[in-house]
Amino acid sequence: DLPQQTPAFANVFNVVDSYDTHARIPNHFQACDKASKAA
């Protein structure tokens, strides 16, 4: 869910998630950072 949902909703809202796949947090961060900065 969250790998798709968080970047998608970050284009519109302030968002908070509990993404907990430790090894993939850097990738998740990059995707969300791009979306949030644009919005």
Full PDB file with SEQRES, HELIX, SHEET, SSBOND, CRYST1, ORIGX, SCALE, CONECT and MASTER records, all heavy atoms in Angstrom:
SEQRES   1 A   39  ASP LEU PRO GLN GLN THR PRO ALA PHE ALA ASN VAL PHE          
SEQRES   2 A   39  ASN VAL VAL ASP SER TYR ASP THR HIS ALA ARG ILE PRO          
SEQRES   3 A   39  ASN HIS PHE GLN ALA CYS ASP LYS ALA SER LYS ALA ALA          
HELIX    1 AA1 LEU A    2  ALA A   10  1                                   9    
HELIX    2 AA2 HIS A   22  ARG A   24  5                                   3    
HELIX    3 AA3 ILE A   25  ALA A   38  1                                  14    
CRYST1    1.000    1.000    1.000  90.00  90.00  90.00 P 1           1          
ORIGX1      1.000000  0.000000  0.000000        0.00000                         
ORIGX2      0.000000  1.000000  0.000000        0.00000                         
ORIGX3      0.000000  0.000000  1.000000        0.00000                         
SCALE1      1.000000  0.000000  0.000000        0.00000                         
SCALE2      0.000000  1.000000  0.000000        0.00000                         
SCALE3      0.000000  0.000000  1.000000        0.00000                         
ATOM      1  N   ASP A   1       0.806  -1.224   0.000  1.00  0.00           N  
ATOM      2  CA  ASP A   1       0.000   0.000   0.000  1.00  0.00           C  
ATOM      3  C   ASP A   1       0.837   1.270   0.000  1.00  0.00           C  
ATOM      4  O   ASP A   1       0.726   2.117  -0.893  1.00  0.00           O  
ATOM      5  CB  ASP A   1      -0.937   0.024   1.222  1.00  0.00           C  
ATOM      6  CG  ASP A   1      -2.002  -1.054   1.173  1.00  0.00           C  
ATOM      7  OD1 ASP A   1      -2.389  -1.447   0.062  1.00  0.00           O  
ATOM      8  OD2 ASP A   1      -2.434  -1.494   2.246  1.00  0.00           O  
ATOM      9  N   LEU A   2       1.640   1.447   1.038  1.00  0.00           N  
ATOM     10  CA  LEU A   2       2.312   2.724   1.257  1.00  0.00           C  
ATOM     11  C   LEU A   2       3.318   3.105   0.172  1.00  0.00           C  
ATOM     12  O   LEU A   2       3.448   4.301  -0.135  1.00  0.00           O  
ATOM     13  CB  LEU A   2       2.978   2.739   2.639  1.00  0.00           C  
ATOM     14  CG  LEU A   2       2.003   2.620   3.820  1.00  0.00           C  
ATOM     15  CD1 LEU A   2       2.763   2.596   5.141  1.00  0.00           C  
ATOM     16  CD2 LEU A   2       0.985   3.761   3.811  1.00  0.00           C  
ATOM     17  N   PRO A   3       4.040   2.163  -0.435  1.00  0.00           N  
ATOM     18  CA  PRO A   3       4.963   2.590  -1.495  1.00  0.00           C  
ATOM     19  C   PRO A   3       4.268   3.323  -2.641  1.00  0.00           C  
ATOM     20  O   PRO A   3       4.872   4.180  -3.282  1.00  0.00           O  
ATOM     21  CB  PRO A   3       5.570   1.263  -1.975  1.00  0.00           C  
ATOM     22  CG  PRO A   3       5.499   0.374  -0.789  1.00  0.00           C  
ATOM     23  CD  PRO A   3       4.204   0.732  -0.121  1.00  0.00           C  
ATOM     24  N   GLN A   4       2.992   3.013  -2.884  1.00  0.00           N  
ATOM     25  CA  GLN A   4       2.231   3.729  -3.911  1.00  0.00           C  
ATOM     26  C   GLN A   4       1.419   4.877  -3.311  1.00  0.00           C  
ATOM     27  O   GLN A   4       1.381   5.979  -3.863  1.00  0.00           O  
ATOM     28  CB  GLN A   4       1.269   2.763  -4.625  1.00  0.00           C  
ATOM     29  CG  GLN A   4       1.921   1.830  -5.623  1.00  0.00           C  
ATOM     30  CD  GLN A   4       2.692   0.714  -4.946  1.00  0.00           C  
ATOM     31  OE1 GLN A   4       2.186   0.097  -4.004  1.00  0.00           O  
ATOM     32  NE2 GLN A   4       3.900   0.425  -5.414  1.00  0.00           N  
ATOM     33  N   GLN A   5       0.783   4.643  -2.169  1.00  0.00           N  
ATOM     34  CA  GLN A   5      -0.134   5.635  -1.603  1.00  0.00           C  
ATOM     35  C   GLN A   5       0.558   6.905  -1.148  1.00  0.00           C  
ATOM     36  O   GLN A   5       0.086   8.018  -1.430  1.00  0.00           O  
ATOM     37  CB  GLN A   5      -0.891   5.026  -0.423  1.00  0.00           C  
ATOM     38  CG  GLN A   5      -2.037   4.120  -0.794  1.00  0.00           C  
ATOM     39  CD  GLN A   5      -2.812   3.687   0.443  1.00  0.00           C  
ATOM     40  OE1 GLN A   5      -2.411   3.947   1.583  1.00  0.00           O  
ATOM     41  NE2 GLN A   5      -3.939   3.030   0.216  1.00  0.00           N  
ATOM     42  N   THR A   6       1.662   6.753  -0.406  1.00  0.00           N  
ATOM     43  CA  THR A   6       2.252   7.943   0.206  1.00  0.00           C  
ATOM     44  C   THR A   6       2.741   8.950  -0.829  1.00  0.00           C  
ATOM     45  O   THR A   6       2.388  10.138  -0.749  1.00  0.00           O  
ATOM     46  CB  THR A   6       3.377   7.564   1.183  1.00  0.00           C  
ATOM     47  OG1 THR A   6       2.908   6.558   2.087  1.00  0.00           O  
ATOM     48  CG2 THR A   6       3.821   8.772   1.983  1.00  0.00           C  
ATOM     49  N   PRO A   7       3.523   8.554  -1.852  1.00  0.00           N  
ATOM     50  CA  PRO A   7       3.908   9.559  -2.856  1.00  0.00           C  
ATOM     51  C   PRO A   7       2.708  10.143  -3.593  1.00  0.00           C  
ATOM     52  O   PRO A   7       2.703  11.335  -3.916  1.00  0.00           O  
ATOM     53  CB  PRO A   7       4.813   8.758  -3.809  1.00  0.00           C  
ATOM     54  CG  PRO A   7       5.295   7.601  -3.016  1.00  0.00           C  
ATOM     55  CD  PRO A   7       4.173   7.255  -2.087  1.00  0.00           C  
ATOM     56  N   ALA A   8       1.669   9.322  -3.832  1.00  0.00           N  
ATOM     57  CA  ALA A   8       0.500   9.816  -4.551  1.00  0.00           C  
ATOM     58  C   ALA A   8      -0.241  10.870  -3.741  1.00  0.00           C  
ATOM     59  O   ALA A   8      -0.589  11.950  -4.266  1.00  0.00           O  
ATOM     60  CB  ALA A   8      -0.435   8.656  -4.889  1.00  0.00           C  
ATOM     61  N   PHE A   9      -0.483  10.612  -2.467  1.00  0.00           N  
ATOM     62  CA  PHE A   9      -1.197  11.579  -1.637  1.00  0.00           C  
ATOM     63  C   PHE A   9      -0.316  12.766  -1.258  1.00  0.00           C  
ATOM     64  O   PHE A   9      -0.825  13.850  -0.967  1.00  0.00           O  
ATOM     65  CB  PHE A   9      -1.768  10.903  -0.393  1.00  0.00           C  
ATOM     66  CG  PHE A   9      -3.008  10.106  -0.668  1.00  0.00           C  
ATOM     67  CD1 PHE A   9      -2.979   8.730  -0.700  1.00  0.00           C  
ATOM     68  CD2 PHE A   9      -4.213  10.748  -0.914  1.00  0.00           C  
ATOM     69  CE1 PHE A   9      -4.119   7.993  -0.972  1.00  0.00           C  
ATOM     70  CE2 PHE A   9      -5.371  10.028  -1.188  1.00  0.00           C  
ATOM     71  CZ  PHE A   9      -5.325   8.638  -1.218  1.00  0.00           C  
ATOM     72  N   ALA A  10       1.010  12.572  -1.261  1.00  0.00           N  
ATOM     73  CA  ALA A  10       1.919  13.679  -0.949  1.00  0.00           C  
ATOM     74  C   ALA A  10       1.883  14.763  -2.012  1.00  0.00           C  
ATOM     75  O   ALA A  10       2.340  15.881  -1.787  1.00  0.00           O  
ATOM     76  CB  ALA A  10       3.342  13.159  -0.776  1.00  0.00           C  
ATOM     77  N   ASN A  11       1.331  14.451  -3.179  1.00  0.00           N  
ATOM     78  CA  ASN A  11       1.151  15.459  -4.218  1.00  0.00           C  
ATOM     79  C   ASN A  11       0.055  16.455  -3.873  1.00  0.00           C  
ATOM     80  O   ASN A  11      -0.068  17.494  -4.520  1.00  0.00           O  
ATOM     81  CB  ASN A  11       0.790  14.781  -5.549  1.00  0.00           C  
ATOM     82  CG  ASN A  11       2.012  14.363  -6.332  1.00  0.00           C  
ATOM     83  OD1 ASN A  11       2.907  15.164  -6.547  1.00  0.00           O  
ATOM     84  ND2 ASN A  11       2.056  13.108  -6.748  1.00  0.00           N  
ATOM     85  N   VAL A  12      -0.757  16.112  -2.855  1.00  0.00           N  
ATOM     86  CA  VAL A  12      -1.937  16.915  -2.541  1.00  0.00           C  
ATOM     87  C   VAL A  12      -1.987  17.351  -1.079  1.00  0.00           C  
ATOM     88  O   VAL A  12      -2.311  18.494  -0.770  1.00  0.00           O  
ATOM     89  CB  VAL A  12      -3.221  16.130  -2.880  1.00  0.00           C  
ATOM     90  CG1 VAL A  12      -4.472  16.939  -2.544  1.00  0.00           C  
ATOM     91  CG2 VAL A  12      -3.225  15.715  -4.345  1.00  0.00           C  
ATOM     92  N   PHE A  13      -1.647  16.416  -0.170  1.00  0.00           N  
ATOM     93  CA  PHE A  13      -1.814  16.637   1.266  1.00  0.00           C  
ATOM     94  C   PHE A  13      -0.473  16.651   1.997  1.00  0.00           C  
ATOM     95  O   PHE A  13       0.512  16.082   1.513  1.00  0.00           O  
ATOM     96  CB  PHE A  13      -2.638  15.497   1.886  1.00  0.00           C  
ATOM     97  CG  PHE A  13      -4.037  15.359   1.373  1.00  0.00           C  
ATOM     98  CD1 PHE A  13      -4.340  14.404   0.415  1.00  0.00           C  
ATOM     99  CD2 PHE A  13      -5.059  16.154   1.862  1.00  0.00           C  
ATOM    100  CE1 PHE A  13      -5.635  14.247  -0.050  1.00  0.00           C  
ATOM    101  CE2 PHE A  13      -6.361  16.006   1.409  1.00  0.00           C  
ATOM    102  CZ  PHE A  13      -6.658  15.051   0.438  1.00  0.00           C  
ATOM    103  N   ASN A  14      -0.454  17.236   3.188  1.00  0.00           N  
ATOM    104  CA  ASN A  14       0.525  16.829   4.189  1.00  0.00           C  
ATOM    105  C   ASN A  14       0.161  15.400   4.590  1.00  0.00           C  
ATOM    106  O   ASN A  14      -1.024  15.106   4.838  1.00  0.00           O  
ATOM    107  CB  ASN A  14       0.454  17.724   5.424  1.00  0.00           C  
ATOM    108  CG  ASN A  14       0.927  19.136   5.165  1.00  0.00           C  
ATOM    109  OD1 ASN A  14       1.971  19.363   4.579  1.00  0.00           O  
ATOM    110  ND2 ASN A  14       0.132  20.105   5.608  1.00  0.00           N  
ATOM    111  N   VAL A  15       1.145  14.516   4.661  1.00  0.00           N  
ATOM    112  CA  VAL A  15       0.842  13.122   4.959  1.00  0.00           C  
ATOM    113  C   VAL A  15       1.786  12.587   6.027  1.00  0.00           C  
ATOM    114  O   VAL A  15       2.918  13.061   6.198  1.00  0.00           O  
ATOM    115  CB  VAL A  15       0.930  12.222   3.708  1.00  0.00           C  
ATOM    116  CG1 VAL A  15      -0.113  12.625   2.678  1.00  0.00           C  
ATOM    117  CG2 VAL A  15       2.320  12.246   3.099  1.00  0.00           C  
ATOM    118  N   VAL A  16       1.302  11.577   6.747  1.00  0.00           N  
ATOM    119  CA  VAL A  16       2.099  10.842   7.731  1.00  0.00           C  
ATOM    120  C   VAL A  16       1.869   9.367   7.471  1.00  0.00           C  
ATOM    121  O   VAL A  16       0.717   8.937   7.279  1.00  0.00           O  
ATOM    122  CB  VAL A  16       1.688  11.197   9.173  1.00  0.00           C  
ATOM    123  CG1 VAL A  16       2.455  10.335  10.179  1.00  0.00           C  
ATOM    124  CG2 VAL A  16       1.926  12.673   9.460  1.00  0.00           C  
ATOM    125  N   ASP A  17       2.940   8.574   7.465  1.00  0.00           N  
ATOM    126  CA  ASP A  17       2.759   7.125   7.331  1.00  0.00           C  
ATOM    127  C   ASP A  17       3.658   6.388   8.308  1.00  0.00           C  
ATOM    128  O   ASP A  17       4.505   6.976   8.990  1.00  0.00           O  
ATOM    129  CB  ASP A  17       2.949   6.648   5.886  1.00  0.00           C  
ATOM    130  CG  ASP A  17       4.406   6.488   5.430  1.00  0.00           C  
ATOM    131  OD1 ASP A  17       5.332   6.469   6.276  1.00  0.00           O  
ATOM    132  OD2 ASP A  17       4.642   6.372   4.210  1.00  0.00           O  
ATOM    133  N   SER A  18       3.466   5.061   8.371  1.00  0.00           N  
ATOM    134  CA  SER A  18       4.251   4.217   9.278  1.00  0.00           C  
ATOM    135  C   SER A  18       5.041   3.176   8.495  1.00  0.00           C  
ATOM    136  O   SER A  18       5.210   2.044   8.958  1.00  0.00           O  
ATOM    137  CB  SER A  18       3.329   3.530  10.299  1.00  0.00           C  
ATOM    138  OG  SER A  18       2.367   2.724   9.647  1.00  0.00           O  
ATOM    139  N   TYR A  19       5.530   3.553   7.325  1.00  0.00           N  
ATOM    140  CA  TYR A  19       6.283   2.626   6.470  1.00  0.00           C  
ATOM    141  C   TYR A  19       7.446   2.022   7.252  1.00  0.00           C  
ATOM    142  O   TYR A  19       8.276   2.743   7.811  1.00  0.00           O  
ATOM    143  CB  TYR A  19       6.813   3.374   5.245  1.00  0.00           C  
ATOM    144  CG  TYR A  19       7.509   2.497   4.248  1.00  0.00           C  
ATOM    145  CD1 TYR A  19       6.784   1.670   3.400  1.00  0.00           C  
ATOM    146  CD2 TYR A  19       8.891   2.486   4.145  1.00  0.00           C  
ATOM    147  CE1 TYR A  19       7.415   0.851   2.469  1.00  0.00           C  
ATOM    148  CE2 TYR A  19       9.535   1.682   3.214  1.00  0.00           C  
ATOM    149  CZ  TYR A  19       8.790   0.866   2.380  1.00  0.00           C  
ATOM    150  OH  TYR A  19       9.433   0.054   1.470  1.00  0.00           O  
ATOM    151  N   ASP A  20       7.496   0.677   7.307  1.00  0.00           N  
ATOM    152  CA  ASP A  20       8.465   0.055   8.213  1.00  0.00           C  
ATOM    153  C   ASP A  20       9.371  -0.984   7.563  1.00  0.00           C  
ATOM    154  O   ASP A  20       9.983  -1.792   8.268  1.00  0.00           O  
ATOM    155  CB  ASP A  20       7.747  -0.551   9.426  1.00  0.00           C  
ATOM    156  CG  ASP A  20       6.841  -1.726   9.052  1.00  0.00           C  
ATOM    157  OD1 ASP A  20       6.689  -2.027   7.857  1.00  0.00           O  
ATOM    158  OD2 ASP A  20       6.277  -2.341   9.988  1.00  0.00           O  
ATOM    159  N   THR A  21       9.482  -0.975   6.236  1.00  0.00           N  
ATOM    160  CA  THR A  21      10.451  -1.855   5.584  1.00  0.00           C  
ATOM    161  C   THR A  21      11.802  -1.144   5.617  1.00  0.00           C  
ATOM    162  O   THR A  21      12.140  -0.360   4.730  1.00  0.00           O  
ATOM    163  CB  THR A  21      10.025  -2.176   4.141  1.00  0.00           C  
ATOM    164  OG1 THR A  21       8.690  -2.690   4.145  1.00  0.00           O  
ATOM    165  CG2 THR A  21      10.960  -3.222   3.534  1.00  0.00           C  
ATOM    166  N   HIS A  22      12.579  -1.388   6.672  1.00  0.00           N  
ATOM    167  CA  HIS A  22      13.782  -0.599   6.957  1.00  0.00           C  
ATOM    168  C   HIS A  22      14.709  -0.484   5.759  1.00  0.00           C  
ATOM    169  O   HIS A  22      15.222   0.606   5.460  1.00  0.00           O  
ATOM    170  CB  HIS A  22      14.535  -1.216   8.143  1.00  0.00           C  
ATOM    171  CG  HIS A  22      13.838  -1.049   9.458  1.00  0.00           C  
ATOM    172  ND1 HIS A  22      14.204  -0.104  10.398  1.00  0.00           N  
ATOM    173  CD2 HIS A  22      12.784  -1.720   9.998  1.00  0.00           C  
ATOM    174  CE1 HIS A  22      13.417  -0.191  11.454  1.00  0.00           C  
ATOM    175  NE2 HIS A  22      12.551  -1.157  11.236  1.00  0.00           N  
ATOM    176  N   ALA A  23      14.944  -1.578   5.065  1.00  0.00           N  
ATOM    177  CA  ALA A  23      15.931  -1.569   3.988  1.00  0.00           C  
ATOM    178  C   ALA A  23      15.516  -0.691   2.825  1.00  0.00           C  
ATOM    179  O   ALA A  23      16.363  -0.245   2.037  1.00  0.00           O  
ATOM    180  CB  ALA A  23      16.177  -3.002   3.501  1.00  0.00           C  
ATOM    181  N   ARG A  24      14.233  -0.419   2.688  1.00  0.00           N  
ATOM    182  CA  ARG A  24      13.746   0.351   1.545  1.00  0.00           C  
ATOM    183  C   ARG A  24      13.301   1.765   1.911  1.00  0.00           C  
ATOM    184  O   ARG A  24      12.756   2.493   1.084  1.00  0.00           O  
ATOM    185  CB  ARG A  24      12.607  -0.405   0.845  1.00  0.00           C  
ATOM    186  CG  ARG A  24      13.040  -1.772   0.322  1.00  0.00           C  
ATOM    187  CD  ARG A  24      12.044  -2.345  -0.675  1.00  0.00           C  
ATOM    188  NE  ARG A  24      11.895  -1.503  -1.849  1.00  0.00           N  
ATOM    189  CZ  ARG A  24      12.726  -1.491  -2.890  1.00  0.00           C  
ATOM    190  NH1 ARG A  24      13.792  -2.272  -2.899  1.00  0.00           N  
ATOM    191  NH2 ARG A  24      12.499  -0.700  -3.928  1.00  0.00           N  
ATOM    192  N   ILE A  25      13.555   2.183   3.144  1.00  0.00           N  
ATOM    193  CA  ILE A  25      13.179   3.538   3.549  1.00  0.00           C  
ATOM    194  C   ILE A  25      13.868   4.610   2.688  1.00  0.00           C  
ATOM    195  O   ILE A  25      13.221   5.595   2.304  1.00  0.00           O  
ATOM    196  CB  ILE A  25      13.462   3.755   5.051  1.00  0.00           C  
ATOM    197  CG1 ILE A  25      12.416   2.995   5.889  1.00  0.00           C  
ATOM    198  CG2 ILE A  25      13.444   5.239   5.413  1.00  0.00           C  
ATOM    199  CD1 ILE A  25      12.664   3.046   7.380  1.00  0.00           C  
ATOM    200  N   PRO A  26      15.152   4.488   2.341  1.00  0.00           N  
ATOM    201  CA  PRO A  26      15.757   5.527   1.488  1.00  0.00           C  
ATOM    202  C   PRO A  26      15.026   5.717   0.163  1.00  0.00           C  
ATOM    203  O   PRO A  26      14.844   6.860  -0.290  1.00  0.00           O  
ATOM    204  CB  PRO A  26      17.192   5.021   1.274  1.00  0.00           C  
ATOM    205  CG  PRO A  26      17.473   4.209   2.510  1.00  0.00           C  
ATOM    206  CD  PRO A  26      16.176   3.519   2.813  1.00  0.00           C  
ATOM    207  N   ASN A  27      14.595   4.626  -0.474  1.00  0.00           N  
ATOM    208  CA  ASN A  27      13.857   4.736  -1.729  1.00  0.00           C  
ATOM    209  C   ASN A  27      12.498   5.401  -1.511  1.00  0.00           C  
ATOM    210  O   ASN A  27      12.059   6.245  -2.309  1.00  0.00           O  
ATOM    211  CB  ASN A  27      13.652   3.356  -2.354  1.00  0.00           C  
ATOM    212  CG  ASN A  27      14.941   2.722  -2.813  1.00  0.00           C  
ATOM    213  OD1 ASN A  27      15.932   3.415  -3.043  1.00  0.00           O  
ATOM    214  ND2 ASN A  27      14.959   1.419  -2.956  1.00  0.00           N  
ATOM    215  N   HIS A  28      11.826   5.004  -0.439  1.00  0.00           N  
ATOM    216  CA  HIS A  28      10.522   5.584  -0.109  1.00  0.00           C  
ATOM    217  C   HIS A  28      10.675   7.080   0.176  1.00  0.00           C  
ATOM    218  O   HIS A  28       9.845   7.890  -0.266  1.00  0.00           O  
ATOM    219  CB  HIS A  28       9.945   4.852   1.098  1.00  0.00           C  
ATOM    220  CG  HIS A  28       8.526   5.181   1.422  1.00  0.00           C  
ATOM    221  ND1 HIS A  28       7.501   5.063   0.506  1.00  0.00           N  
ATOM    222  CD2 HIS A  28       7.941   5.624   2.578  1.00  0.00           C  
ATOM    223  CE1 HIS A  28       6.360   5.407   1.075  1.00  0.00           C  
ATOM    224  NE2 HIS A  28       6.604   5.763   2.320  1.00  0.00           N  
ATOM    225  N   PHE A  29      11.722   7.438   0.877  1.00  0.00           N  
ATOM    226  CA  PHE A  29      11.987   8.855   1.193  1.00  0.00           C  
ATOM    227  C   PHE A  29      12.132   9.670  -0.089  1.00  0.00           C  
ATOM    228  O   PHE A  29      11.535  10.752  -0.219  1.00  0.00           O  
ATOM    229  CB  PHE A  29      13.245   8.963   2.051  1.00  0.00           C  
ATOM    230  CG  PHE A  29      13.565  10.362   2.503  1.00  0.00           C  
ATOM    231  CD1 PHE A  29      13.197  10.796   3.766  1.00  0.00           C  
ATOM    232  CD2 PHE A  29      14.235  11.245   1.671  1.00  0.00           C  
ATOM    233  CE1 PHE A  29      13.477  12.087   4.189  1.00  0.00           C  
ATOM    234  CE2 PHE A  29      14.524  12.535   2.076  1.00  0.00           C  
ATOM    235  CZ  PHE A  29      14.145  12.958   3.338  1.00  0.00           C  
ATOM    236  N   GLN A  30      12.917   9.181  -1.024  1.00  0.00           N  
ATOM    237  CA  GLN A  30      13.161   9.933  -2.253  1.00  0.00           C  
ATOM    238  C   GLN A  30      11.876  10.173  -3.036  1.00  0.00           C  
ATOM    239  O   GLN A  30      11.626  11.278  -3.528  1.00  0.00           O  
ATOM    240  CB  GLN A  30      14.177   9.194  -3.124  1.00  0.00           C  
ATOM    241  CG  GLN A  30      15.589   9.214  -2.551  1.00  0.00           C  
ATOM    242  CD  GLN A  30      16.575   8.455  -3.418  1.00  0.00           C  
ATOM    243  OE1 GLN A  30      16.211   7.912  -4.467  1.00  0.00           O  
ATOM    244  NE2 GLN A  30      17.828   8.413  -2.985  1.00  0.00           N  
ATOM    245  N   ALA A  31      11.036   9.125  -3.139  1.00  0.00           N  
ATOM    246  CA  ALA A  31       9.785   9.263  -3.880  1.00  0.00           C  
ATOM    247  C   ALA A  31       8.862  10.274  -3.214  1.00  0.00           C  
ATOM    248  O   ALA A  31       8.219  11.099  -3.887  1.00  0.00           O  
ATOM    249  CB  ALA A  31       9.091   7.905  -3.989  1.00  0.00           C  
ATOM    250  N   CYS A  32       8.784  10.234  -1.893  1.00  0.00           N  
ATOM    251  CA  CYS A  32       7.900  11.151  -1.166  1.00  0.00           C  
ATOM    252  C   CYS A  32       8.449  12.571  -1.153  1.00  0.00           C  
ATOM    253  O   CYS A  32       7.680  13.545  -1.205  1.00  0.00           O  
ATOM    254  CB  CYS A  32       7.697  10.645   0.265  1.00  0.00           C  
ATOM    255  SG  CYS A  32       6.849   9.049   0.359  1.00  0.00           S  
ATOM    256  N   ASP A  33       9.752  12.712  -1.082  1.00  0.00           N  
ATOM    257  CA  ASP A  33      10.372  14.041  -1.057  1.00  0.00           C  
ATOM    258  C   ASP A  33      10.069  14.797  -2.345  1.00  0.00           C  
ATOM    259  O   ASP A  33       9.715  15.985  -2.314  1.00  0.00           O  
ATOM    260  CB  ASP A  33      11.879  13.888  -0.861  1.00  0.00           C  
ATOM    261  CG  ASP A  33      12.567  15.213  -0.558  1.00  0.00           C  
ATOM    262  OD1 ASP A  33      12.086  15.935   0.337  1.00  0.00           O  
ATOM    263  OD2 ASP A  33      13.589  15.514  -1.204  1.00  0.00           O  
ATOM    264  N   LYS A  34      10.181  14.112  -3.464  1.00  0.00           N  
ATOM    265  CA  LYS A  34       9.912  14.742  -4.762  1.00  0.00           C  
ATOM    266  C   LYS A  34       8.468  15.221  -4.830  1.00  0.00           C  
ATOM    267  O   LYS A  34       8.191  16.356  -5.244  1.00  0.00           O  
ATOM    268  CB  LYS A  34      10.200  13.753  -5.892  1.00  0.00           C  
ATOM    269  CG  LYS A  34       9.963  14.311  -7.281  1.00  0.00           C  
ATOM    270  CD  LYS A  34      10.303  13.272  -8.342  1.00  0.00           C  
ATOM    271  CE  LYS A  34      10.048  13.823  -9.743  1.00  0.00           C  
ATOM    272  NZ  LYS A  34      10.376  12.811 -10.789  1.00  0.00           N  
ATOM    273  N   ALA A  35       7.532  14.359  -4.398  1.00  0.00           N  
ATOM    274  CA  ALA A  35       6.117  14.712  -4.474  1.00  0.00           C  
ATOM    275  C   ALA A  35       5.775  15.858  -3.528  1.00  0.00           C  
ATOM    276  O   ALA A  35       5.054  16.795  -3.893  1.00  0.00           O  
ATOM    277  CB  ALA A  35       5.263  13.489  -4.148  1.00  0.00           C  
ATOM    278  N   SER A  36       6.288  15.808  -2.308  1.00  0.00           N  
ATOM    279  CA  SER A  36       5.949  16.826  -1.320  1.00  0.00           C  
ATOM    280  C   SER A  36       6.524  18.190  -1.682  1.00  0.00           C  
ATOM    281  O   SER A  36       5.866  19.222  -1.498  1.00  0.00           O  
ATOM    282  CB  SER A  36       6.436  16.403   0.070  1.00  0.00           C  
ATOM    283  OG  SER A  36       5.695  15.313   0.545  1.00  0.00           O  
ATOM    284  N   LYS A  37       7.743  18.218  -2.173  1.00  0.00           N  
ATOM    285  CA  LYS A  37       8.341  19.498  -2.555  1.00  0.00           C  
ATOM    286  C   LYS A  37       7.578  20.141  -3.702  1.00  0.00           C  
ATOM    287  O   LYS A  37       7.379  21.364  -3.739  1.00  0.00           O  
ATOM    288  CB  LYS A  37       9.808  19.298  -2.919  1.00  0.00           C  
ATOM    289  CG  LYS A  37      10.706  19.113  -1.702  1.00  0.00           C  
ATOM    290  CD  LYS A  37      12.156  18.905  -2.103  1.00  0.00           C  
ATOM    291  CE  LYS A  37      13.039  18.800  -0.857  1.00  0.00           C  
ATOM    292  NZ  LYS A  37      14.448  18.485  -1.205  1.00  0.00           N  
ATOM    293  N   ALA A  38       7.121  19.307  -4.643  1.00  0.00           N  
ATOM    294  CA  ALA A  38       6.359  19.846  -5.764  1.00  0.00           C  
ATOM    295  C   ALA A  38       5.040  20.456  -5.297  1.00  0.00           C  
ATOM    296  O   ALA A  38       4.557  21.438  -5.878  1.00  0.00           O  
ATOM    297  CB  ALA A  38       6.095  18.742  -6.790  1.00  0.00           C  
ATOM    298  N   ALA A  39       4.459  19.891  -4.246  1.00  0.00           N  
ATOM    299  CA  ALA A  39       3.166  20.369  -3.739  1.00  0.00           C  
ATOM    300  C   ALA A  39       3.298  21.422  -2.651  1.00  0.00           C  
ATOM    301  O   ALA A  39       2.295  22.017  -2.243  1.00  0.00           O  
ATOM    302  CB  ALA A  39       2.364  19.179  -3.205  1.00  0.00           C  
TER     303      ALA A  39                                                      
MASTER        0    0    0    3    0    0    0    6  302    1    0    3          
END                                                                             
